[in-house]
Amino acid sequence: DAARPCLARSELAAVIEHGLEHSAGALLALPV
């Protein structure tokens, strides 16, 4: 999102790692 300026480096690294490994991709999320 253009309006999410507070993305942490560790979050980005984790979602890229999982997205490359998993055939259906990955997304950052939070339990409600």
PDB file of all heavy atoms in Angstrom:
ATOM      1  N   ASP A   1       0.826  -1.201   0.000  1.00  0.00           N
ATOM      2  CA  ASP A   1       0.000   0.000   0.000  1.00  0.00           C
ATOM      3  C   ASP A   1       0.862   1.254   0.000  1.00  0.00           C
ATOM      4  O   ASP A   1       1.848   1.339   0.751  1.00  0.00           O
ATOM      5  CB  ASP A   1      -0.901   0.036   1.241  1.00  0.00           C
ATOM      6  CG  ASP A   1      -1.968  -1.039   1.231  1.00  0.00           C
ATOM      7  OD1 ASP A   1      -2.440  -1.396   0.135  1.00  0.00           O
ATOM      8  OD2 ASP A   1      -2.329  -1.529   2.321  1.00  0.00           O
ATOM      9  N   ALA A   2       0.463   2.243  -0.781  1.00  0.00           N
ATOM     10  CA  ALA A   2       1.185   3.517  -0.811  1.00  0.00           C
ATOM     11  C   ALA A   2       1.135   4.221   0.538  1.00  0.00           C
ATOM     12  O   ALA A   2       2.037   4.989   0.886  1.00  0.00           O
ATOM     13  CB  ALA A   2       0.593   4.422  -1.886  1.00  0.00           C
ATOM     14  N   ALA A   3       0.077   3.958   1.308  1.00  0.00           N
ATOM     15  CA  ALA A   3      -0.139   4.662   2.577  1.00  0.00           C
ATOM     16  C   ALA A   3       0.267   3.831   3.789  1.00  0.00           C
ATOM     17  O   ALA A   3      -0.274   4.012   4.878  1.00  0.00           O
ATOM     18  CB  ALA A   3      -1.593   5.092   2.695  1.00  0.00           C
ATOM     19  N   ARG A   4       1.231   2.909   3.602  1.00  0.00           N
ATOM     20  CA  ARG A   4       1.794   2.162   4.741  1.00  0.00           C
ATOM     21  C   ARG A   4       3.290   2.469   4.845  1.00  0.00           C
ATOM     22  O   ARG A   4       4.136   1.683   4.428  1.00  0.00           O
ATOM     23  CB  ARG A   4       1.584   0.654   4.571  1.00  0.00           C
ATOM     24  CG  ARG A   4       0.169   0.180   4.826  1.00  0.00           C
ATOM     25  CD  ARG A   4       0.098  -1.333   4.929  1.00  0.00           C
ATOM     26  NE  ARG A   4      -1.257  -1.819   4.894  1.00  0.00           N
ATOM     27  CZ  ARG A   4      -2.036  -1.952   5.972  1.00  0.00           C
ATOM     28  NH1 ARG A   4      -1.552  -1.668   7.178  1.00  0.00           N
ATOM     29  NH2 ARG A   4      -3.272  -2.394   5.861  1.00  0.00           N
ATOM     30  N   PRO A   5       3.625   3.616   5.421  1.00  0.00           N
ATOM     31  CA  PRO A   5       5.030   4.026   5.472  1.00  0.00           C
ATOM     32  C   PRO A   5       5.846   3.364   6.575  1.00  0.00           C
ATOM     33  O   PRO A   5       7.076   3.472   6.577  1.00  0.00           O
ATOM     34  CB  PRO A   5       4.933   5.534   5.722  1.00  0.00           C
ATOM     35  CG  PRO A   5       3.675   5.675   6.543  1.00  0.00           C
ATOM     36  CD  PRO A   5       2.727   4.646   5.976  1.00  0.00           C
ATOM     37  N   CYS A   6       5.188   2.670   7.506  1.00  0.00           N
ATOM     38  CA  CYS A   6       5.874   2.158   8.693  1.00  0.00           C
ATOM     39  C   CYS A   6       6.184   0.663   8.599  1.00  0.00           C
ATOM     40  O   CYS A   6       6.171  -0.047   9.608  1.00  0.00           O
ATOM     41  CB  CYS A   6       5.048   2.451   9.945  1.00  0.00           C
ATOM     42  SG  CYS A   6       4.807   4.210  10.259  1.00  0.00           S
ATOM     43  N   LEU A   7       6.475   0.189   7.419  1.00  0.00           N
ATOM     44  CA  LEU A   7       6.846  -1.211   7.225  1.00  0.00           C
ATOM     45  C   LEU A   7       8.256  -1.448   7.758  1.00  0.00           C
ATOM     46  O   LEU A   7       9.202  -0.759   7.377  1.00  0.00           O
ATOM     47  CB  LEU A   7       6.795  -1.549   5.735  1.00  0.00           C
ATOM     48  CG  LEU A   7       7.337  -2.904   5.311  1.00  0.00           C
ATOM     49  CD1 LEU A   7       6.477  -4.034   5.865  1.00  0.00           C
ATOM     50  CD2 LEU A   7       7.425  -2.978   3.790  1.00  0.00           C
ATOM     51  N   ALA A   8       8.395  -2.431   8.638  1.00  0.00           N
ATOM     52  CA  ALA A   8       9.709  -2.761   9.203  1.00  0.00           C
ATOM     53  C   ALA A   8      10.488  -3.682   8.269  1.00  0.00           C
ATOM     54  O   ALA A   8       9.904  -4.493   7.548  1.00  0.00           O
ATOM     55  CB  ALA A   8       9.540  -3.431  10.568  1.00  0.00           C
ATOM     56  N   ARG A   9      11.801  -3.552   8.303  1.00  0.00           N
ATOM     57  CA  ARG A   9      12.665  -4.379   7.461  1.00  0.00           C
ATOM     58  C   ARG A   9      12.434  -5.868   7.722  1.00  0.00           C
ATOM     59  O   ARG A   9      12.400  -6.678   6.794  1.00  0.00           O
ATOM     60  CB  ARG A   9      14.129  -4.029   7.739  1.00  0.00           C
ATOM     61  CG  ARG A   9      15.122  -4.690   6.789  1.00  0.00           C
ATOM     62  CD  ARG A   9      16.540  -4.602   7.345  1.00  0.00           C
ATOM     63  NE  ARG A   9      16.954  -3.233   7.559  1.00  0.00           N
ATOM     64  CZ  ARG A   9      17.655  -2.512   6.684  1.00  0.00           C
ATOM     65  NH1 ARG A   9      18.000  -3.036   5.524  1.00  0.00           N
ATOM     66  NH2 ARG A   9      18.017  -1.266   6.967  1.00  0.00           N
ATOM     67  N   SER A  10      12.261  -6.253   8.983  1.00  0.00           N
ATOM     68  CA  SER A  10      12.076  -7.663   9.318  1.00  0.00           C
ATOM     69  C   SER A  10      10.750  -8.202   8.785  1.00  0.00           C
ATOM     70  O   SER A  10      10.662  -9.365   8.376  1.00  0.00           O
ATOM     71  CB  SER A  10      12.145  -7.864  10.832  1.00  0.00           C
ATOM     72  OG  SER A  10      11.169  -7.076  11.500  1.00  0.00           O
ATOM     73  N   GLU A  11       9.698  -7.384   8.792  1.00  0.00           N
ATOM     74  CA  GLU A  11       8.415  -7.794   8.217  1.00  0.00           C
ATOM     75  C   GLU A  11       8.565  -8.079   6.726  1.00  0.00           C
ATOM     76  O   GLU A  11       8.078  -9.098   6.213  1.00  0.00           O
ATOM     77  CB  GLU A  11       7.380  -6.686   8.380  1.00  0.00           C
ATOM     78  CG  GLU A  11       6.787  -6.495   9.743  1.00  0.00           C
ATOM     79  CD  GLU A  11       5.766  -5.373   9.720  1.00  0.00           C
ATOM     80  OE1 GLU A  11       6.148  -4.210   9.503  1.00  0.00           O
ATOM     81  OE2 GLU A  11       4.570  -5.661   9.909  1.00  0.00           O
ATOM     82  N   LEU A  12       9.211  -7.161   6.031  1.00  0.00           N
ATOM     83  CA  LEU A  12       9.396  -7.313   4.591  1.00  0.00           C
ATOM     84  C   LEU A  12      10.197  -8.563   4.278  1.00  0.00           C
ATOM     85  O   LEU A  12       9.835  -9.344   3.387  1.00  0.00           O
ATOM     86  CB  LEU A  12      10.094  -6.073   4.026  1.00  0.00           C
ATOM     87  CG  LEU A  12      10.431  -6.093   2.540  1.00  0.00           C
ATOM     88  CD1 LEU A  12       9.176  -6.282   1.696  1.00  0.00           C
ATOM     89  CD2 LEU A  12      11.157  -4.808   2.149  1.00  0.00           C
ATOM     90  N   ALA A  13      11.272  -8.778   5.024  1.00  0.00           N
ATOM     91  CA  ALA A  13      12.111  -9.956   4.792  1.00  0.00           C
ATOM     92  C   ALA A  13      11.318 -11.242   4.988  1.00  0.00           C
ATOM     93  O   ALA A  13      11.432 -12.187   4.199  1.00  0.00           O
ATOM     94  CB  ALA A  13      13.318  -9.927   5.728  1.00  0.00           C
ATOM     95  N   ALA A  14      10.499 -11.283   6.028  1.00  0.00           N
ATOM     96  CA  ALA A  14       9.739 -12.500   6.338  1.00  0.00           C
ATOM     97  C   ALA A  14       8.697 -12.804   5.276  1.00  0.00           C
ATOM     98  O   ALA A  14       8.550 -13.953   4.832  1.00  0.00           O
ATOM     99  CB  ALA A  14       9.069 -12.370   7.707  1.00  0.00           C
ATOM    100  N   VAL A  15       7.958 -11.793   4.824  1.00  0.00           N
ATOM    101  CA  VAL A  15       6.895 -12.060   3.853  1.00  0.00           C
ATOM    102  C   VAL A  15       7.481 -12.403   2.483  1.00  0.00           C
ATOM    103  O   VAL A  15       6.920 -13.225   1.743  1.00  0.00           O
ATOM    104  CB  VAL A  15       5.899 -10.884   3.774  1.00  0.00           C
ATOM    105  CG1 VAL A  15       6.473  -9.686   3.031  1.00  0.00           C
ATOM    106  CG2 VAL A  15       4.584 -11.345   3.149  1.00  0.00           C
ATOM    107  N   ILE A  16       8.614 -11.826   2.130  1.00  0.00           N
ATOM    108  CA  ILE A  16       9.263 -12.206   0.872  1.00  0.00           C
ATOM    109  C   ILE A  16       9.734 -13.653   0.942  1.00  0.00           C
ATOM    110  O   ILE A  16       9.524 -14.437   0.007  1.00  0.00           O
ATOM    111  CB  ILE A  16      10.433 -11.257   0.544  1.00  0.00           C
ATOM    112  CG1 ILE A  16       9.904  -9.876   0.148  1.00  0.00           C
ATOM    113  CG2 ILE A  16      11.291 -11.828  -0.587  1.00  0.00           C
ATOM    114  CD1 ILE A  16      10.988  -8.854  -0.137  1.00  0.00           C
ATOM    115  N   GLU A  17      10.344 -14.018   2.054  1.00  0.00           N
ATOM    116  CA  GLU A  17      10.836 -15.389   2.212  1.00  0.00           C
ATOM    117  C   GLU A  17       9.697 -16.399   2.043  1.00  0.00           C
ATOM    118  O   GLU A  17       9.822 -17.367   1.283  1.00  0.00           O
ATOM    119  CB  GLU A  17      11.495 -15.553   3.574  1.00  0.00           C
ATOM    120  CG  GLU A  17      12.014 -16.957   3.834  1.00  0.00           C
ATOM    121  CD  GLU A  17      12.680 -17.090   5.199  1.00  0.00           C
ATOM    122  OE1 GLU A  17      12.924 -16.056   5.843  1.00  0.00           O
ATOM    123  OE2 GLU A  17      12.923 -18.225   5.602  1.00  0.00           O
ATOM    124  N   HIS A  18       8.585 -16.163   2.726  1.00  0.00           N
ATOM    125  CA  HIS A  18       7.460 -17.095   2.644  1.00  0.00           C
ATOM    126  C   HIS A  18       6.788 -17.034   1.273  1.00  0.00           C
ATOM    127  O   HIS A  18       6.325 -18.062   0.757  1.00  0.00           O
ATOM    128  CB  HIS A  18       6.449 -16.805   3.744  1.00  0.00           C
ATOM    129  CG  HIS A  18       6.899 -17.248   5.109  1.00  0.00           C
ATOM    130  ND1 HIS A  18       6.951 -18.576   5.468  1.00  0.00           N
ATOM    131  CD2 HIS A  18       7.329 -16.534   6.187  1.00  0.00           C
ATOM    132  CE1 HIS A  18       7.384 -18.674   6.721  1.00  0.00           C
ATOM    133  NE2 HIS A  18       7.620 -17.450   7.173  1.00  0.00           N
ATOM    134  N   GLY A  19       6.722 -15.849   0.690  1.00  0.00           N
ATOM    135  CA  GLY A  19       6.096 -15.717  -0.611  1.00  0.00           C
ATOM    136  C   GLY A  19       6.846 -16.436  -1.714  1.00  0.00           C
ATOM    137  O   GLY A  19       6.241 -16.965  -2.646  1.00  0.00           O
ATOM    138  N   LEU A  20       8.164 -16.478  -1.601  1.00  0.00           N
ATOM    139  CA  LEU A  20       8.971 -17.184  -2.595  1.00  0.00           C
ATOM    140  C   LEU A  20       8.919 -18.695  -2.388  1.00  0.00           C
ATOM    141  O   LEU A  20       9.053 -19.459  -3.349  1.00  0.00           O
ATOM    142  CB  LEU A  20      10.425 -16.703  -2.534  1.00  0.00           C
ATOM    143  CG  LEU A  20      10.673 -15.228  -2.879  1.00  0.00           C
ATOM    144  CD1 LEU A  20      12.163 -14.928  -2.829  1.00  0.00           C
ATOM    145  CD2 LEU A  20      10.115 -14.866  -4.241  1.00  0.00           C
ATOM    146  N   GLU A  21       8.722 -19.127  -1.162  1.00  0.00           N
ATOM    147  CA  GLU A  21       8.718 -20.561  -0.854  1.00  0.00           C
ATOM    148  C   GLU A  21       7.358 -21.215  -1.098  1.00  0.00           C
ATOM    149  O   GLU A  21       7.286 -22.390  -1.440  1.00  0.00           O
ATOM    150  CB  GLU A  21       9.112 -20.781   0.613  1.00  0.00           C
ATOM    151  CG  GLU A  21      10.571 -20.487   0.926  1.00  0.00           C
ATOM    152  CD  GLU A  21      10.888 -20.702   2.386  1.00  0.00           C
ATOM    153  OE1 GLU A  21       9.935 -20.904   3.179  1.00  0.00           O
ATOM    154  OE2 GLU A  21      12.076 -20.664   2.740  1.00  0.00           O
ATOM    155  N   HIS A  22       6.282 -20.460  -0.907  1.00  0.00           N
ATOM    156  CA  HIS A  22       4.937 -21.038  -0.943  1.00  0.00           C
ATOM    157  C   HIS A  22       4.303 -20.769  -2.303  1.00  0.00           C
ATOM    158  O   HIS A  22       4.242 -19.623  -2.767  1.00  0.00           O
ATOM    159  CB  HIS A  22       4.097 -20.427   0.177  1.00  0.00           C
ATOM    160  CG  HIS A  22       2.775 -21.078   0.385  1.00  0.00           C
ATOM    161  ND1 HIS A  22       2.595 -22.441   0.432  1.00  0.00           N
ATOM    162  CD2 HIS A  22       1.530 -20.544   0.552  1.00  0.00           C
ATOM    163  CE1 HIS A  22       1.321 -22.714   0.630  1.00  0.00           C
ATOM    164  NE2 HIS A  22       0.653 -21.572   0.696  1.00  0.00           N
ATOM    165  N   SER A  23       3.785 -21.788  -2.948  1.00  0.00           N
ATOM    166  CA  SER A  23       3.262 -21.645  -4.307  1.00  0.00           C
ATOM    167  C   SER A  23       2.069 -20.704  -4.405  1.00  0.00           C
ATOM    168  O   SER A  23       1.815 -20.124  -5.461  1.00  0.00           O
ATOM    169  CB  SER A  23       2.871 -23.023  -4.860  1.00  0.00           C
ATOM    170  OG  SER A  23       1.861 -23.624  -4.056  1.00  0.00           O
ATOM    171  N   ALA A  24       1.320 -20.547  -3.312  1.00  0.00           N
ATOM    172  CA  ALA A  24       0.165 -19.646  -3.312  1.00  0.00           C
ATOM    173  C   ALA A  24       0.505 -18.265  -2.769  1.00  0.00           C
ATOM    174  O   ALA A  24      -0.372 -17.422  -2.595  1.00  0.00           O
ATOM    175  CB  ALA A  24      -0.979 -20.248  -2.502  1.00  0.00           C
ATOM    176  N   GLY A  25       1.792 -18.010  -2.516  1.00  0.00           N
ATOM    177  CA  GLY A  25       2.211 -16.699  -2.043  1.00  0.00           C
ATOM    178  C   GLY A  25       2.005 -16.502  -0.561  1.00  0.00           C
ATOM    179  O   GLY A  25       1.689 -17.442   0.182  1.00  0.00           O
ATOM    180  N   ALA A  26       2.177 -15.263  -0.111  1.00  0.00           N
ATOM    181  CA  ALA A  26       2.098 -14.944   1.311  1.00  0.00           C
ATOM    182  C   ALA A  26       1.711 -13.484   1.498  1.00  0.00           C
ATOM    183  O   ALA A  26       1.931 -12.649   0.618  1.00  0.00           O
ATOM    184  CB  ALA A  26       3.427 -15.227   1.990  1.00  0.00           C
ATOM    185  N   LEU A  27       1.150 -13.193   2.661  1.00  0.00           N
ATOM    186  CA  LEU A  27       0.805 -11.820   2.999  1.00  0.00           C
ATOM    187  C   LEU A  27       1.063 -11.575   4.471  1.00  0.00           C
ATOM    188  O   LEU A  27       0.934 -12.488   5.297  1.00  0.00           O
ATOM    189  CB  LEU A  27      -0.660 -11.524   2.691  1.00  0.00           C
ATOM    190  CG  LEU A  27      -1.730 -12.253   3.506  1.00  0.00           C
ATOM    191  CD1 LEU A  27      -2.986 -11.374   3.638  1.00  0.00           C
ATOM    192  CD2 LEU A  27      -2.113 -13.573   2.855  1.00  0.00           C
ATOM    193  N   LEU A  28       1.440 -10.346   4.793  1.00  0.00           N
ATOM    194  CA  LEU A  28       1.507  -9.949   6.195  1.00  0.00           C
ATOM    195  C   LEU A  28       0.090  -9.807   6.736  1.00  0.00           C
ATOM    196  O   LEU A  28      -0.811  -9.325   6.038  1.00  0.00           O
ATOM    197  CB  LEU A  28       2.239  -8.620   6.346  1.00  0.00           C
ATOM    198  CG  LEU A  28       3.750  -8.611   6.121  1.00  0.00           C
ATOM    199  CD1 LEU A  28       4.293  -7.202   6.331  1.00  0.00           C
ATOM    200  CD2 LEU A  28       4.454  -9.595   7.042  1.00  0.00           C
ATOM    201  N   ALA A  29      -0.111 -10.218   7.969  1.00  0.00           N
ATOM    202  CA  ALA A  29      -1.444 -10.148   8.581  1.00  0.00           C
ATOM    203  C   ALA A  29      -1.308 -10.160  10.094  1.00  0.00           C
ATOM    204  O   ALA A  29      -0.254 -10.508  10.640  1.00  0.00           O
ATOM    205  CB  ALA A  29      -2.314 -11.316   8.116  1.00  0.00           C
ATOM    206  N   LEU A  30      -2.391  -9.790  10.763  1.00  0.00           N
ATOM    207  CA  LEU A  30      -2.447  -9.792  12.224  1.00  0.00           C
ATOM    208  C   LEU A  30      -3.710 -10.516  12.690  1.00  0.00           C
ATOM    209  O   LEU A  30      -4.793 -10.272  12.134  1.00  0.00           O
ATOM    210  CB  LEU A  30      -2.484  -8.360  12.767  1.00  0.00           C
ATOM    211  CG  LEU A  30      -1.196  -7.547  12.728  1.00  0.00           C
ATOM    212  CD1 LEU A  30      -1.502  -6.097  13.080  1.00  0.00           C
ATOM    213  CD2 LEU A  30      -0.172  -8.123  13.697  1.00  0.00           C
ATOM    214  N   PRO A  31      -3.604 -11.377  13.695  1.00  0.00           N
ATOM    215  CA  PRO A  31      -4.832 -11.947  14.276  1.00  0.00           C
ATOM    216  C   PRO A  31      -5.708 -10.830  14.829  1.00  0.00           C
ATOM    217  O   PRO A  31      -5.203  -9.886  15.447  1.00  0.00           O
ATOM    218  CB  PRO A  31      -4.306 -12.847  15.399  1.00  0.00           C
ATOM    219  CG  PRO A  31      -2.862 -13.062  15.103  1.00  0.00           C
ATOM    220  CD  PRO A  31      -2.391 -11.832  14.390  1.00  0.00           C
ATOM    221  N   VAL A  32      -6.994 -10.905  14.601  1.00  0.00           N
ATOM    222  CA  VAL A  32      -7.902  -9.873  15.099  1.00  0.00           C
ATOM    223  C   VAL A  32      -7.928  -9.927  16.630  1.00  0.00           C
ATOM    224  O   VAL A  32      -8.191 -10.982  17.218  1.00  0.00           O
ATOM    225  CB  VAL A  32      -9.317 -10.065  14.528  1.00  0.00           C
ATOM    226  CG1 VAL A  32     -10.312  -9.130  15.209  1.00  0.00           C
ATOM    227  CG2 VAL A  32      -9.304  -9.823  13.020  1.00  0.00           C
TER     228      VAL A  32
END
